[in-house]
């Protein structure tokens, strides 16, 4: 399989309006004749474009998508132009395989939904797409009130129906930052967010959906390492830009507990 010309990280930077002018022009010109690249830009730019902008302090802006649309309309050869209705917030949101709506919480929880579409049915893909939008600053300023962790854990358990535990992963260089409830295709999804000593965000997620037991497996999505498993009928995963060896050790600790 041919490697993509632009990485997910480059396209996230483009949608965050953080890339150089040269790289921006290269991406926009390439998108004229590359439907797959345009699709990737649409997906990244559209995810949570309304709800995530507050959660990530306006890291996701509408400007890059609008600029790309104007560029394609004004510059692209007619034979490459998609129907105009395929652009725009509503059309993109309708066509997305999984759109994540997530709120930032500090010492508390927020319930949002992951609205699924027709293309991506895999919950790990949806989580990975959301996780790739995190930056080193997303969790850095969240202060955790340790005295409220017990109450937070009980609320997570009550809302999800899962026997959630907050794992002490300091020995692996991970500090707990928050817990929150999401929803995937009608099933509750719990996300526990951690920050590594190097500033990398890491998430442990549990899905309240009955599946067959499965030992841990390793995969790679959107530039992030993933270890996933199924225990007691509930799928779970850990995801982040840290070595698989560390992730598997963390999962072994979780499974032993």
Protein backbone atom coordinates (compact mmCIF):
# COMPACT_ATOMS: atom_id res chain seq x y z
CA UNK A 1 0.00 0.00 0.00
CA UNK A 2 1.38 3.39 -0.96
CA UNK A 3 2.18 5.66 1.96
CA UNK A 4 0.06 8.83 2.11
CA UNK A 5 1.84 11.93 0.94
CA UNK A 6 0.71 13.83 4.03
CA UNK A 7 0.60 12.33 7.51
CA UNK A 8 -2.37 12.62 9.85
CA UNK A 9 -0.28 14.94 12.02
CA UNK A 10 0.30 17.28 9.07
CA UNK A 11 -3.40 17.36 8.24
CA UNK A 12 -4.34 18.02 11.87
CA UNK A 13 -1.86 20.93 11.82
CA UNK A 14 -3.49 22.16 8.61
CA UNK A 15 -6.96 22.02 10.16
CA UNK A 16 -5.61 23.73 13.28
CA UNK A 17 -4.12 26.44 11.03
CA UNK A 18 -0.71 25.60 12.50
CA UNK A 19 1.19 24.57 9.37
CA UNK A 20 3.48 26.77 7.27
CA UNK A 21 2.15 28.70 4.26
CA UNK A 22 4.16 26.45 1.95
CA UNK A 23 2.78 23.26 3.46
CA UNK A 24 -0.74 24.70 3.41
CA UNK A 25 -0.45 25.45 -0.32
CA UNK A 26 0.98 22.00 -1.00
CA UNK A 27 -1.92 20.32 0.80
CA UNK A 28 -4.53 22.45 -0.94
CA UNK A 29 -3.09 21.90 -4.42
CA UNK A 30 -2.76 18.16 -3.79
CA UNK A 31 -6.38 17.98 -2.61
CA UNK A 32 -7.57 19.26 -5.99
CA UNK A 33 -6.77 15.97 -7.71
CA UNK A 34 -6.66 13.60 -4.73
CA UNK A 35 -10.16 12.62 -3.51
CA UNK A 36 -8.74 10.49 -0.69
CA UNK A 37 -6.69 13.41 0.64
CA UNK A 38 -9.73 15.69 0.45
CA UNK A 39 -11.78 13.09 2.33
CA UNK A 40 -9.17 12.90 5.08
CA UNK A 41 -9.15 16.70 5.42
CA UNK A 42 -12.94 16.79 5.55
CA UNK A 43 -13.01 14.14 8.27
CA UNK A 44 -10.38 15.77 10.44
CA UNK A 45 -11.76 19.29 10.00
CA UNK A 46 -15.35 18.27 10.64
CA UNK A 47 -14.95 16.16 13.77
CA UNK A 48 -16.49 18.05 16.62
CA UNK A 49 -16.24 21.34 14.74
CA UNK A 50 -18.85 22.90 17.03
CA UNK A 51 -18.47 21.03 20.30
CA UNK A 52 -14.75 20.36 20.24
CA UNK A 53 -13.80 23.98 19.67
CA UNK A 54 -14.72 24.76 23.28
CA UNK A 55 -13.16 21.56 24.59
CA UNK A 56 -9.86 22.23 22.88
CA UNK A 57 -9.79 26.00 23.35
CA UNK A 58 -10.57 26.66 19.69
CA UNK A 59 -7.88 24.34 18.38
CA UNK A 60 -10.35 23.20 15.76
CA UNK A 61 -11.50 26.14 13.70
CA UNK A 62 -13.87 26.45 10.79
CA UNK A 63 -11.46 28.65 8.87
CA UNK A 64 -9.26 25.89 7.38
CA UNK A 65 -12.25 23.99 5.99
CA UNK A 66 -13.80 27.18 4.61
CA UNK A 67 -10.48 28.14 3.04
CA UNK A 68 -10.13 24.74 1.39
CA UNK A 69 -13.68 24.93 0.04
CA UNK A 70 -13.07 28.40 -1.42
CA UNK A 71 -9.76 27.28 -2.89
CA UNK A 72 -11.31 24.24 -4.58
CA UNK A 73 -14.18 26.27 -6.00
CA UNK A 74 -11.97 29.05 -7.33
CA UNK A 75 -8.85 27.17 -8.41
CA UNK A 76 -9.62 23.55 -9.13
CA UNK A 77 -10.22 22.28 -12.68
CA UNK A 78 -13.93 21.69 -13.25
CA UNK A 79 -13.54 17.94 -13.78
CA UNK A 80 -12.08 17.56 -10.28
CA UNK A 81 -14.64 19.63 -8.42
CA UNK A 82 -16.98 17.63 -6.19
CA UNK A 83 -20.62 18.72 -5.96
CA UNK A 84 -20.68 21.77 -3.74
CA UNK A 85 -23.15 20.10 -1.42
CA UNK A 86 -20.46 17.65 -0.35
CA UNK A 87 -18.68 20.46 1.48
CA UNK A 88 -19.82 22.26 4.57
CA UNK A 89 -20.44 21.38 8.18
CA UNK A 90 -23.77 19.65 7.82
CA UNK A 91 -22.89 17.60 4.75
CA UNK A 92 -19.58 16.51 6.22
CA UNK A 93 -21.12 15.66 9.58
CA UNK A 94 -23.75 13.54 7.84
CA UNK A 95 -21.10 11.69 5.86
CA UNK A 96 -18.69 11.07 8.72
CA UNK A 97 -18.40 7.51 9.88
CA UNK A 98 -18.20 8.51 13.52
CA UNK A 99 -18.39 12.02 14.96
CA UNK A 100 -17.23 12.49 18.52
CA UNK A 101 -18.63 15.19 20.78
CA UNK A 102 -16.58 15.52 23.95
CA UNK A 103 -16.40 18.15 26.68
CA UNK A 104 -13.35 19.00 28.75
CA UNK A 105 -13.91 18.45 32.43
CA UNK A 106 -11.77 19.37 35.37
CA UNK A 107 -12.30 17.06 38.30
CA UNK A 108 -15.74 16.14 36.99
CA UNK A 109 -17.51 14.39 34.14
CA UNK A 110 -19.53 15.31 31.12
CA UNK A 111 -21.77 13.08 29.04
CA UNK A 112 -21.62 13.51 25.27
CA UNK A 113 -22.36 11.30 22.29
CA UNK A 114 -20.40 9.68 19.51
CA UNK A 115 -22.81 9.69 16.61
CA UNK A 116 -22.10 6.81 14.25
CA UNK A 117 -22.65 6.72 10.52
CA UNK A 118 -22.37 4.01 7.91
CA UNK A 119 -18.66 3.68 7.11
CA UNK A 120 -16.80 3.22 10.39
CA UNK A 121 -18.49 0.77 12.71
CA UNK A 122 -15.39 0.08 14.77
CA UNK A 123 -15.37 1.84 18.12
CA UNK A 124 -11.59 1.79 18.30
CA UNK A 125 -11.41 3.75 15.06
CA UNK A 126 -13.77 6.36 16.48
CA UNK A 127 -11.70 6.65 19.66
CA UNK A 128 -8.47 6.88 17.65
CA UNK A 129 -9.84 9.67 15.46
CA UNK A 130 -10.79 11.62 18.57
CA UNK A 131 -7.51 10.88 20.37
CA UNK A 132 -5.42 12.16 17.46
CA UNK A 133 -6.95 15.61 18.03
CA UNK A 134 -5.37 15.85 21.47
CA UNK A 135 -2.28 18.00 21.86
CA UNK A 136 0.19 18.20 24.71
CA UNK A 137 -1.79 21.18 26.04
CA UNK A 138 -5.21 19.49 26.11
CA UNK A 139 -4.73 17.86 29.52
CA UNK A 140 -1.78 19.85 30.85
CA UNK A 141 -3.78 22.41 32.83
CA UNK A 142 -6.41 20.06 34.26
CA UNK A 143 -6.10 19.93 38.03
CA UNK A 144 -7.28 16.76 39.74
CA UNK A 145 -8.92 16.98 43.15
CA UNK A 146 -7.89 13.66 44.67
CA UNK A 147 -10.53 13.98 47.38
CA UNK A 148 -13.25 13.81 44.70
CA UNK A 149 -11.93 10.74 42.87
CA UNK A 150 -14.13 8.34 44.81
CA UNK A 151 -17.27 10.31 43.96
CA UNK A 152 -16.19 10.59 40.32
CA UNK A 153 -15.59 6.84 40.09
CA UNK A 154 -19.03 6.06 41.52
CA UNK A 155 -20.70 8.39 39.04
CA UNK A 156 -18.83 6.74 36.19
CA UNK A 157 -19.93 3.33 37.42
CA UNK A 158 -23.53 4.40 37.81
CA UNK A 159 -23.75 6.07 34.40
CA UNK A 160 -21.93 3.34 32.48
CA UNK A 161 -22.93 0.19 34.34
CA UNK A 162 -19.25 -0.82 34.34
CA UNK A 163 -17.08 -1.60 37.36
CA UNK A 164 -14.63 1.21 36.64
CA UNK A 165 -11.41 1.64 38.58
CA UNK A 166 -8.95 4.53 38.45
CA UNK A 167 -5.57 2.92 37.86
CA UNK A 168 -2.46 4.29 39.52
CA UNK A 169 0.00 4.31 36.63
CA UNK A 170 2.65 6.60 38.10
CA UNK A 171 5.25 3.82 37.78
CA UNK A 172 4.68 4.00 34.02
CA UNK A 173 5.03 7.78 34.01
CA UNK A 174 1.27 8.43 33.58
CA UNK A 175 -0.76 10.85 35.69
CA UNK A 176 -4.56 10.57 35.85
CA UNK A 177 -6.32 13.70 34.57
CA UNK A 178 -10.02 13.03 34.08
CA UNK A 179 -12.81 10.54 33.54
CA UNK A 180 -15.76 11.04 31.25
CA UNK A 181 -18.71 9.27 29.67
CA UNK A 182 -19.24 9.07 25.93
CA UNK A 183 -21.63 7.03 23.83
CA UNK A 184 -21.01 4.84 20.78
CA UNK A 185 -23.95 3.43 18.84
CA UNK A 186 -26.17 3.41 21.90
CA UNK A 187 -23.54 1.93 24.22
CA UNK A 188 -21.86 3.88 27.01
CA UNK A 189 -18.13 4.41 26.64
CA UNK A 190 -15.89 5.40 29.54
CA UNK A 191 -12.68 7.30 28.87
CA UNK A 192 -9.95 7.67 31.48
CA UNK A 193 -7.41 10.27 30.38
CA UNK A 194 -3.78 10.29 31.50
CA UNK A 195 -0.79 12.50 30.72
CA UNK A 196 2.69 11.02 30.32
CA UNK A 197 5.84 12.58 31.73
CA UNK A 198 6.74 13.57 28.17
CA UNK A 199 3.41 15.36 27.74
CA UNK A 200 1.73 12.73 25.58
CA UNK A 201 -2.00 12.19 26.20
CA UNK A 202 -3.00 8.57 26.82
CA UNK A 203 -6.52 7.20 27.13
CA UNK A 204 -7.93 3.99 28.59
CA UNK A 205 -11.43 3.29 27.30
CA UNK A 206 -14.13 0.76 28.17
CA UNK A 207 -17.23 0.05 26.11
CA UNK A 208 -20.41 -1.19 27.77
CA UNK A 209 -21.21 -3.68 25.05
CA UNK A 210 -21.20 -7.46 25.36
CA UNK A 211 -18.53 -9.20 23.27
CA UNK A 212 -16.64 -12.47 23.40
CA UNK A 213 -13.57 -12.63 25.63
CA UNK A 214 -10.32 -11.74 23.86
CA UNK A 215 -6.70 -11.49 25.01
CA UNK A 216 -4.77 -8.30 24.40
CA UNK A 217 -3.91 -7.44 20.81
CA UNK A 218 -1.78 -4.66 19.34
CA UNK A 219 -2.70 -2.36 16.49
CA UNK A 220 -1.78 1.03 15.07
CA UNK A 221 -4.23 3.74 13.98
CA UNK A 222 -3.69 7.36 12.97
CA UNK A 223 -0.14 7.48 14.28
CA UNK A 224 -1.09 6.06 17.69
CA UNK A 225 -0.30 2.73 19.33
CA UNK A 226 -3.25 0.72 20.64
CA UNK A 227 -3.58 -2.35 22.82
CA UNK A 228 -7.12 -3.71 23.06
CA UNK A 229 -8.81 -6.64 24.79
CA UNK A 230 -12.16 -7.93 26.02
CA UNK A 231 -12.64 -8.93 29.67
CA UNK A 232 -15.88 -9.88 31.39
CA UNK A 233 -17.61 -9.32 28.07
CA UNK A 234 -16.63 -5.63 27.83
CA UNK A 235 -14.22 -4.33 25.14
CA UNK A 236 -11.40 -2.13 26.36
CA UNK A 237 -8.40 -0.34 24.87
CA UNK A 238 -5.47 1.88 25.72
CA UNK A 239 -4.21 4.36 23.14
CA UNK A 240 -1.40 6.88 22.93
CA UNK A 241 1.85 7.91 21.34
CA UNK A 242 3.97 5.82 23.68
CA UNK A 243 5.76 2.50 23.03
CA UNK A 244 3.71 -0.68 22.68
CA UNK A 245 5.95 -2.32 25.26
CA UNK A 246 4.77 0.20 27.85
CA UNK A 247 1.14 -0.17 26.81
CA UNK A 248 1.23 -3.95 27.10
CA UNK A 249 2.76 -3.72 30.58
CA UNK A 250 -0.03 -1.36 31.61
CA UNK A 251 -2.68 -3.72 30.23
CA UNK A 252 -1.09 -6.66 32.04
CA UNK A 253 -1.36 -4.69 35.30
CA UNK A 254 -5.01 -3.86 34.57
CA UNK A 255 -5.88 -7.46 33.74
CA UNK A 256 -4.12 -8.75 36.84
CA UNK A 257 -6.12 -6.35 38.99
